[in-house]
Amino acid sequence: MNLTGIDHFVLTVEDLERTCAFYEALGAEIVAFDDGRTGERWALRFGEQKINLHPVDTNVEHVAAAPTPGAGDFCLLTETPITEVADRLRERGVEIVEGPVERTGTVGRLESVYVRDPDGNLVEIGRYEDD
């Protein structure tokens, strides 16, 4: 088996509209899709990856064993200098939990800031130092 990357992952959310508005302010494309089984669903698309959203009262067939809002901790990549990202976050009233700080990413050193989404998930926004 040769796994090559991550296509999507899922966040369990309390308030779908609030979550979409938060991530849209970060630059996500909000997409609706129908998986052919459960009707219309929503996702956040960043480039070639996406985050599917499951409201806590979802009727999706397969979910995590204990879906819990706020249990996520992940990193989104940007090409924008992190100081600019921090400024834009502050302009939008998003509290920075930590950063800018240096971290280690999958393929090198990242400069990152950390924020929390409406459910309390920890969201790292990182830029590779070579960018």
N, C-alpha and C. Protein backbone atom coordinates (compact mmCIF):
# COMPACT_ATOMS: atom_id res chain seq x y z
N MET A 1 0.85 -1.18 0.00
CA MET A 1 0.00 0.00 0.00
C MET A 1 0.89 1.23 0.00
N ASN A 2 0.61 2.16 -0.89
CA ASN A 2 1.39 3.39 -1.00
C ASN A 2 0.47 4.59 -0.80
N LEU A 3 0.30 5.00 0.44
CA LEU A 3 -0.53 6.16 0.72
C LEU A 3 0.22 7.41 0.28
N THR A 4 -0.49 8.33 -0.38
CA THR A 4 0.19 9.47 -1.00
C THR A 4 -0.21 10.83 -0.44
N GLY A 5 -1.18 10.89 0.42
CA GLY A 5 -1.58 12.20 0.94
C GLY A 5 -2.91 12.13 1.63
N ILE A 6 -3.43 13.29 1.97
CA ILE A 6 -4.73 13.41 2.63
C ILE A 6 -5.69 14.09 1.68
N ASP A 7 -6.81 13.46 1.42
CA ASP A 7 -7.84 14.04 0.56
C ASP A 7 -8.75 14.96 1.37
N HIS A 8 -9.24 14.45 2.50
CA HIS A 8 -10.10 15.24 3.37
C HIS A 8 -10.10 14.64 4.76
N PHE A 9 -10.56 15.42 5.70
CA PHE A 9 -10.87 14.91 7.03
C PHE A 9 -12.15 15.58 7.47
N VAL A 10 -12.67 15.19 8.62
CA VAL A 10 -13.99 15.65 9.05
C VAL A 10 -13.89 16.37 10.39
N LEU A 11 -14.63 17.45 10.50
CA LEU A 11 -14.82 18.13 11.78
C LEU A 11 -16.29 18.02 12.17
N THR A 12 -16.53 17.69 13.41
CA THR A 12 -17.88 17.72 13.96
C THR A 12 -18.10 19.13 14.49
N VAL A 13 -19.22 19.75 14.09
CA VAL A 13 -19.45 21.15 14.43
C VAL A 13 -20.81 21.37 15.08
N GLU A 14 -20.86 22.32 15.99
CA GLU A 14 -22.10 22.71 16.66
C GLU A 14 -22.99 23.56 15.76
N ASP A 15 -22.38 24.54 15.07
CA ASP A 15 -23.13 25.52 14.29
C ASP A 15 -22.51 25.62 12.90
N LEU A 16 -23.15 25.00 11.93
CA LEU A 16 -22.62 24.93 10.57
C LEU A 16 -22.39 26.32 9.97
N GLU A 17 -23.35 27.23 10.11
CA GLU A 17 -23.20 28.57 9.54
C GLU A 17 -22.03 29.33 10.15
N ARG A 18 -21.92 29.27 11.45
CA ARG A 18 -20.82 29.97 12.15
C ARG A 18 -19.46 29.40 11.73
N THR A 19 -19.38 28.09 11.62
CA THR A 19 -18.13 27.45 11.20
C THR A 19 -17.78 27.86 9.78
N CYS A 20 -18.75 27.83 8.88
CA CYS A 20 -18.49 28.23 7.48
C CYS A 20 -18.03 29.68 7.41
N ALA A 21 -18.67 30.56 8.15
CA ALA A 21 -18.29 31.98 8.13
C ALA A 21 -16.86 32.16 8.62
N PHE A 22 -16.48 31.46 9.69
CA PHE A 22 -15.12 31.56 10.22
C PHE A 22 -14.09 31.13 9.18
N TYR A 23 -14.27 29.97 8.59
CA TYR A 23 -13.28 29.46 7.65
C TYR A 23 -13.31 30.22 6.32
N GLU A 24 -14.46 30.74 5.95
CA GLU A 24 -14.53 31.57 4.75
C GLU A 24 -13.68 32.83 4.95
N ALA A 25 -13.69 33.38 6.16
CA ALA A 25 -12.85 34.55 6.47
C ALA A 25 -11.37 34.19 6.39
N LEU A 26 -11.02 32.92 6.59
CA LEU A 26 -9.63 32.48 6.45
C LEU A 26 -9.27 32.21 4.99
N GLY A 27 -10.26 32.17 4.11
CA GLY A 27 -9.99 31.94 2.70
C GLY A 27 -10.49 30.63 2.16
N ALA A 28 -11.25 29.87 2.94
CA ALA A 28 -11.80 28.60 2.45
C ALA A 28 -12.91 28.87 1.45
N GLU A 29 -13.04 27.95 0.52
CA GLU A 29 -14.19 27.95 -0.38
C GLU A 29 -15.22 27.02 0.26
N ILE A 30 -16.43 27.51 0.47
CA ILE A 30 -17.49 26.71 1.05
C ILE A 30 -18.17 25.96 -0.09
N VAL A 31 -18.20 24.63 0.01
CA VAL A 31 -18.78 23.82 -1.06
C VAL A 31 -19.87 22.92 -0.51
N ALA A 32 -20.93 22.81 -1.29
CA ALA A 32 -22.01 21.87 -0.97
C ALA A 32 -21.84 20.68 -1.89
N PHE A 33 -22.15 19.50 -1.37
CA PHE A 33 -22.10 18.30 -2.21
C PHE A 33 -23.13 17.31 -1.72
N ASP A 34 -23.50 16.41 -2.60
CA ASP A 34 -24.46 15.35 -2.26
C ASP A 34 -23.74 14.03 -2.45
N ASP A 35 -23.59 13.28 -1.38
CA ASP A 35 -22.85 12.02 -1.47
C ASP A 35 -23.72 10.87 -1.99
N GLY A 36 -24.95 11.18 -2.35
CA GLY A 36 -25.83 10.16 -2.89
C GLY A 36 -26.52 9.30 -1.84
N ARG A 37 -26.18 9.51 -0.58
CA ARG A 37 -26.77 8.70 0.49
C ARG A 37 -27.50 9.55 1.52
N THR A 38 -26.91 10.65 1.91
CA THR A 38 -27.46 11.42 3.03
C THR A 38 -27.97 12.80 2.64
N GLY A 39 -27.95 13.11 1.37
CA GLY A 39 -28.41 14.43 0.93
C GLY A 39 -27.30 15.45 0.96
N GLU A 40 -27.69 16.72 0.97
CA GLU A 40 -26.71 17.80 0.89
C GLU A 40 -25.81 17.85 2.13
N ARG A 41 -24.53 17.98 1.86
CA ARG A 41 -23.53 18.12 2.92
C ARG A 41 -22.66 19.32 2.58
N TRP A 42 -21.84 19.74 3.56
CA TRP A 42 -21.01 20.92 3.39
C TRP A 42 -19.56 20.62 3.70
N ALA A 43 -18.68 21.35 3.01
CA ALA A 43 -17.24 21.17 3.21
C ALA A 43 -16.53 22.51 3.02
N LEU A 44 -15.32 22.56 3.53
CA LEU A 44 -14.42 23.70 3.37
C LEU A 44 -13.31 23.24 2.45
N ARG A 45 -13.11 23.92 1.33
CA ARG A 45 -12.05 23.51 0.41
C ARG A 45 -10.90 24.50 0.49
N PHE A 46 -9.70 23.94 0.63
CA PHE A 46 -8.45 24.69 0.62
C PHE A 46 -7.59 24.05 -0.45
N GLY A 47 -7.45 24.70 -1.61
CA GLY A 47 -6.65 24.10 -2.68
C GLY A 47 -7.23 22.77 -3.11
N GLU A 48 -6.43 21.72 -3.02
CA GLU A 48 -6.87 20.39 -3.45
C GLU A 48 -7.31 19.50 -2.30
N GLN A 49 -7.47 20.07 -1.11
CA GLN A 49 -7.93 19.30 0.04
C GLN A 49 -9.21 19.95 0.58
N LYS A 50 -9.93 19.15 1.36
CA LYS A 50 -11.12 19.73 1.97
C LYS A 50 -11.34 19.15 3.36
N ILE A 51 -12.15 19.88 4.11
CA ILE A 51 -12.60 19.46 5.42
C ILE A 51 -14.12 19.31 5.32
N ASN A 52 -14.59 18.09 5.47
CA ASN A 52 -16.04 17.87 5.49
C ASN A 52 -16.56 18.26 6.86
N LEU A 53 -17.77 18.78 6.89
CA LEU A 53 -18.37 19.22 8.14
C LEU A 53 -19.56 18.33 8.50
N HIS A 54 -19.54 17.79 9.71
CA HIS A 54 -20.65 17.00 10.21
C HIS A 54 -21.26 17.75 11.39
N PRO A 55 -22.47 18.29 11.24
CA PRO A 55 -23.14 18.86 12.40
C PRO A 55 -23.33 17.78 13.46
N VAL A 56 -23.39 18.18 14.72
CA VAL A 56 -23.51 17.20 15.80
C VAL A 56 -24.73 16.30 15.64
N ASP A 57 -25.77 16.78 15.01
CA ASP A 57 -26.98 15.98 14.81
C ASP A 57 -27.01 15.35 13.42
N THR A 58 -25.85 15.07 12.86
CA THR A 58 -25.74 14.58 11.49
C THR A 58 -26.40 13.22 11.30
N ASN A 59 -26.80 12.98 10.07
CA ASN A 59 -27.33 11.67 9.72
C ASN A 59 -26.37 10.93 8.78
N VAL A 60 -25.10 11.30 8.82
CA VAL A 60 -24.09 10.65 8.00
C VAL A 60 -23.89 9.23 8.50
N GLU A 61 -23.74 8.31 7.55
CA GLU A 61 -23.68 6.88 7.88
C GLU A 61 -22.47 6.49 8.73
N HIS A 62 -21.29 6.92 8.34
CA HIS A 62 -20.08 6.55 9.07
C HIS A 62 -19.47 7.78 9.71
N VAL A 63 -19.33 7.74 11.01
CA VAL A 63 -18.72 8.85 11.74
C VAL A 63 -17.69 8.28 12.71
N ALA A 64 -16.89 9.16 13.29
CA ALA A 64 -15.92 8.75 14.30
C ALA A 64 -16.64 8.07 15.46
N ALA A 65 -15.90 7.30 16.23
CA ALA A 65 -16.50 6.57 17.36
C ALA A 65 -17.11 7.52 18.39
N ALA A 66 -16.48 8.66 18.60
CA ALA A 66 -16.99 9.64 19.57
C ALA A 66 -16.86 11.04 18.97
N PRO A 67 -17.70 11.37 17.95
CA PRO A 67 -17.57 12.68 17.33
C PRO A 67 -17.81 13.80 18.33
N THR A 68 -16.82 14.69 18.44
CA THR A 68 -16.85 15.73 19.45
C THR A 68 -16.41 17.06 18.85
N PRO A 69 -17.26 18.09 18.92
CA PRO A 69 -16.81 19.41 18.47
C PRO A 69 -15.61 19.86 19.30
N GLY A 70 -14.64 20.44 18.64
CA GLY A 70 -13.49 21.01 19.34
C GLY A 70 -12.35 20.04 19.57
N ALA A 71 -12.42 18.84 19.05
CA ALA A 71 -11.37 17.84 19.26
C ALA A 71 -10.28 17.89 18.19
N GLY A 72 -10.41 18.78 17.20
CA GLY A 72 -9.44 18.85 16.12
C GLY A 72 -8.23 19.71 16.44
N ASP A 73 -7.13 19.36 15.79
CA ASP A 73 -5.86 20.09 15.92
C ASP A 73 -5.12 19.84 14.62
N PHE A 74 -5.04 20.84 13.76
CA PHE A 74 -4.48 20.62 12.43
C PHE A 74 -3.83 21.89 11.90
N CYS A 75 -3.09 21.74 10.81
CA CYS A 75 -2.35 22.85 10.21
C CYS A 75 -2.83 23.09 8.79
N LEU A 76 -3.12 24.34 8.48
CA LEU A 76 -3.42 24.78 7.12
C LEU A 76 -2.22 25.54 6.60
N LEU A 77 -1.87 25.33 5.34
CA LEU A 77 -0.71 25.99 4.75
C LEU A 77 -1.10 27.24 3.99
N THR A 78 -0.21 28.20 3.99
CA THR A 78 -0.40 29.44 3.25
C THR A 78 0.90 29.81 2.55
N GLU A 79 0.78 30.61 1.51
CA GLU A 79 1.95 31.19 0.86
C GLU A 79 2.14 32.64 1.30
N THR A 80 1.19 33.16 2.04
CA THR A 80 1.24 34.54 2.52
C THR A 80 2.19 34.62 3.71
N PRO A 81 3.05 35.64 3.76
CA PRO A 81 3.92 35.79 4.93
C PRO A 81 3.10 35.80 6.22
N ILE A 82 3.60 35.12 7.23
CA ILE A 82 2.84 34.93 8.47
C ILE A 82 2.54 36.25 9.17
N THR A 83 3.42 37.23 9.06
CA THR A 83 3.10 38.53 9.67
C THR A 83 1.85 39.14 9.03
N GLU A 84 1.70 38.95 7.72
CA GLU A 84 0.49 39.43 7.03
C GLU A 84 -0.73 38.63 7.46
N VAL A 85 -0.56 37.31 7.61
CA VAL A 85 -1.66 36.46 8.09
C VAL A 85 -2.11 36.94 9.46
N ALA A 86 -1.16 37.18 10.35
CA ALA A 86 -1.49 37.65 11.70
C ALA A 86 -2.25 38.97 11.65
N ASP A 87 -1.79 39.89 10.80
CA ASP A 87 -2.48 41.18 10.66
C ASP A 87 -3.92 40.99 10.17
N ARG A 88 -4.10 40.13 9.17
CA ARG A 88 -5.44 39.89 8.62
C ARG A 88 -6.36 39.24 9.66
N LEU A 89 -5.81 38.32 10.44
CA LEU A 89 -6.61 37.69 11.49
C LEU A 89 -7.07 38.72 12.50
N ARG A 90 -6.15 39.58 12.94
CA ARG A 90 -6.51 40.62 13.91
C ARG A 90 -7.58 41.56 13.34
N GLU A 91 -7.42 41.92 12.05
CA GLU A 91 -8.41 42.79 11.39
C GLU A 91 -9.79 42.17 11.41
N ARG A 92 -9.86 40.86 11.34
CA ARG A 92 -11.14 40.14 11.32
C ARG A 92 -11.61 39.77 12.73
N GLY A 93 -10.87 40.22 13.74
CA GLY A 93 -11.27 39.96 15.12
C GLY A 93 -10.99 38.54 15.59
N VAL A 94 -10.09 37.84 14.90
CA VAL A 94 -9.74 36.48 15.29
C VAL A 94 -8.56 36.54 16.25
N GLU A 95 -8.74 35.97 17.44
CA GLU A 95 -7.69 35.99 18.44
C GLU A 95 -6.59 35.00 18.09
N ILE A 96 -5.35 35.46 18.14
CA ILE A 96 -4.20 34.58 17.91
C ILE A 96 -3.83 33.96 19.25
N VAL A 97 -3.83 32.64 19.30
CA VAL A 97 -3.51 31.90 20.52
C VAL A 97 -2.01 31.92 20.76
N GLU A 98 -1.25 31.77 19.68
CA GLU A 98 0.21 31.80 19.76
C GLU A 98 0.78 32.14 18.38
N GLY A 99 1.91 32.82 18.40
CA GLY A 99 2.63 33.07 17.16
C GLY A 99 2.74 34.53 16.84
N PRO A 100 3.54 34.75 15.81
CA PRO A 100 4.26 33.80 14.96
C PRO A 100 5.36 33.06 15.72
N VAL A 101 5.46 31.75 15.42
CA VAL A 101 6.47 30.88 16.01
C VAL A 101 7.00 29.94 14.92
N GLU A 102 8.18 29.38 15.18
CA GLU A 102 8.74 28.39 14.26
C GLU A 102 8.31 27.00 14.68
N ARG A 103 7.95 26.18 13.71
CA ARG A 103 7.54 24.80 13.94
C ARG A 103 8.16 23.91 12.86
N THR A 104 8.03 22.63 13.05
CA THR A 104 8.50 21.67 12.04
C THR A 104 7.28 21.09 11.34
N GLY A 105 7.25 21.25 10.02
CA GLY A 105 6.18 20.68 9.21
C GLY A 105 6.61 19.37 8.58
N THR A 106 5.82 18.89 7.67
CA THR A 106 6.10 17.62 7.00
C THR A 106 7.38 17.67 6.19
N VAL A 107 7.63 18.78 5.52
CA VAL A 107 8.79 18.83 4.60
C VAL A 107 9.78 19.94 4.94
N GLY A 108 9.68 20.52 6.14
CA GLY A 108 10.64 21.56 6.51
C GLY A 108 10.14 22.44 7.63
N ARG A 109 10.82 23.57 7.80
CA ARG A 109 10.49 24.52 8.87
C ARG A 109 9.31 25.39 8.45
N LEU A 110 8.40 25.57 9.40
CA LEU A 110 7.23 26.43 9.21
C LEU A 110 7.33 27.63 10.13
N GLU A 111 6.80 28.74 9.68
CA GLU A 111 6.50 29.85 10.57
C GLU A 111 4.98 29.84 10.68
N SER A 112 4.46 29.85 11.91
CA SER A 112 3.04 29.60 12.12
C SER A 112 2.40 30.55 13.13
N VAL A 113 1.08 30.66 13.01
CA VAL A 113 0.24 31.25 14.05
C VAL A 113 -0.86 30.24 14.35
N TYR A 114 -1.37 30.31 15.59
CA TYR A 114 -2.42 29.40 16.02
C TYR A 114 -3.65 30.20 16.41
N VAL A 115 -4.82 29.69 16.00
CA VAL A 115 -6.11 30.28 16.36
C VAL A 115 -7.06 29.14 16.73
N ARG A 116 -8.20 29.50 17.30
CA ARG A 116 -9.25 28.51 17.58
C ARG A 116 -10.48 28.86 16.76
N ASP A 117 -11.09 27.83 16.19
CA ASP A 117 -12.32 28.06 15.43
C ASP A 117 -13.51 28.13 16.38
N PRO A 118 -14.72 28.36 15.88
CA PRO A 118 -15.87 28.52 16.77
C PRO A 118 -16.15 27.32 17.69
N ASP A 119 -15.70 26.12 17.31
CA ASP A 119 -15.90 24.94 18.16
C ASP A 119 -14.75 24.70 19.11
N GLY A 120 -13.68 25.49 18.98
CA GLY A 120 -12.52 25.31 19.86
C GLY A 120 -11.41 24.47 19.26
N ASN A 121 -11.56 24.03 18.00
CA ASN A 121 -10.47 23.31 17.34
C ASN A 121 -9.25 24.21 17.24
N LEU A 122 -8.07 23.64 17.44
CA LEU A 122 -6.83 24.40 17.31
C LEU A 122 -6.40 24.37 15.85
N VAL A 123 -6.31 25.54 15.24
CA VAL A 123 -5.97 25.66 13.83
C VAL A 123 -4.63 26.38 13.71
N GLU A 124 -3.64 25.67 13.21
CA GLU A 124 -2.34 26.25 12.92
C GLU A 124 -2.36 26.71 11.47
N ILE A 125 -1.89 27.92 11.23
CA ILE A 125 -1.73 28.41 9.87
C ILE A 125 -0.24 28.60 9.68
N GLY A 126 0.33 27.83 8.75
CA GLY A 126 1.78 27.82 8.61
C GLY A 126 2.24 28.11 7.20
N ARG A 127 3.43 28.66 7.14
CA ARG A 127 4.09 28.96 5.86
C ARG A 127 5.49 28.38 5.91
N TYR A 128 5.84 27.59 4.90
CA TYR A 128 7.18 27.06 4.83
C TYR A 128 8.16 28.21 4.61
N GLU A 129 9.26 28.17 5.32
CA GLU A 129 10.22 29.28 5.30
C GLU A 129 10.85 29.49 3.94
N ASP A 130 10.83 28.49 3.08
CA ASP A 130 11.39 28.63 1.73
C ASP A 130 10.46 29.38 0.81
N ASP A 131 9.18 29.52 1.18
CA ASP A 131 8.19 30.20 0.31
C ASP A 131 8.47 31.68 0.24
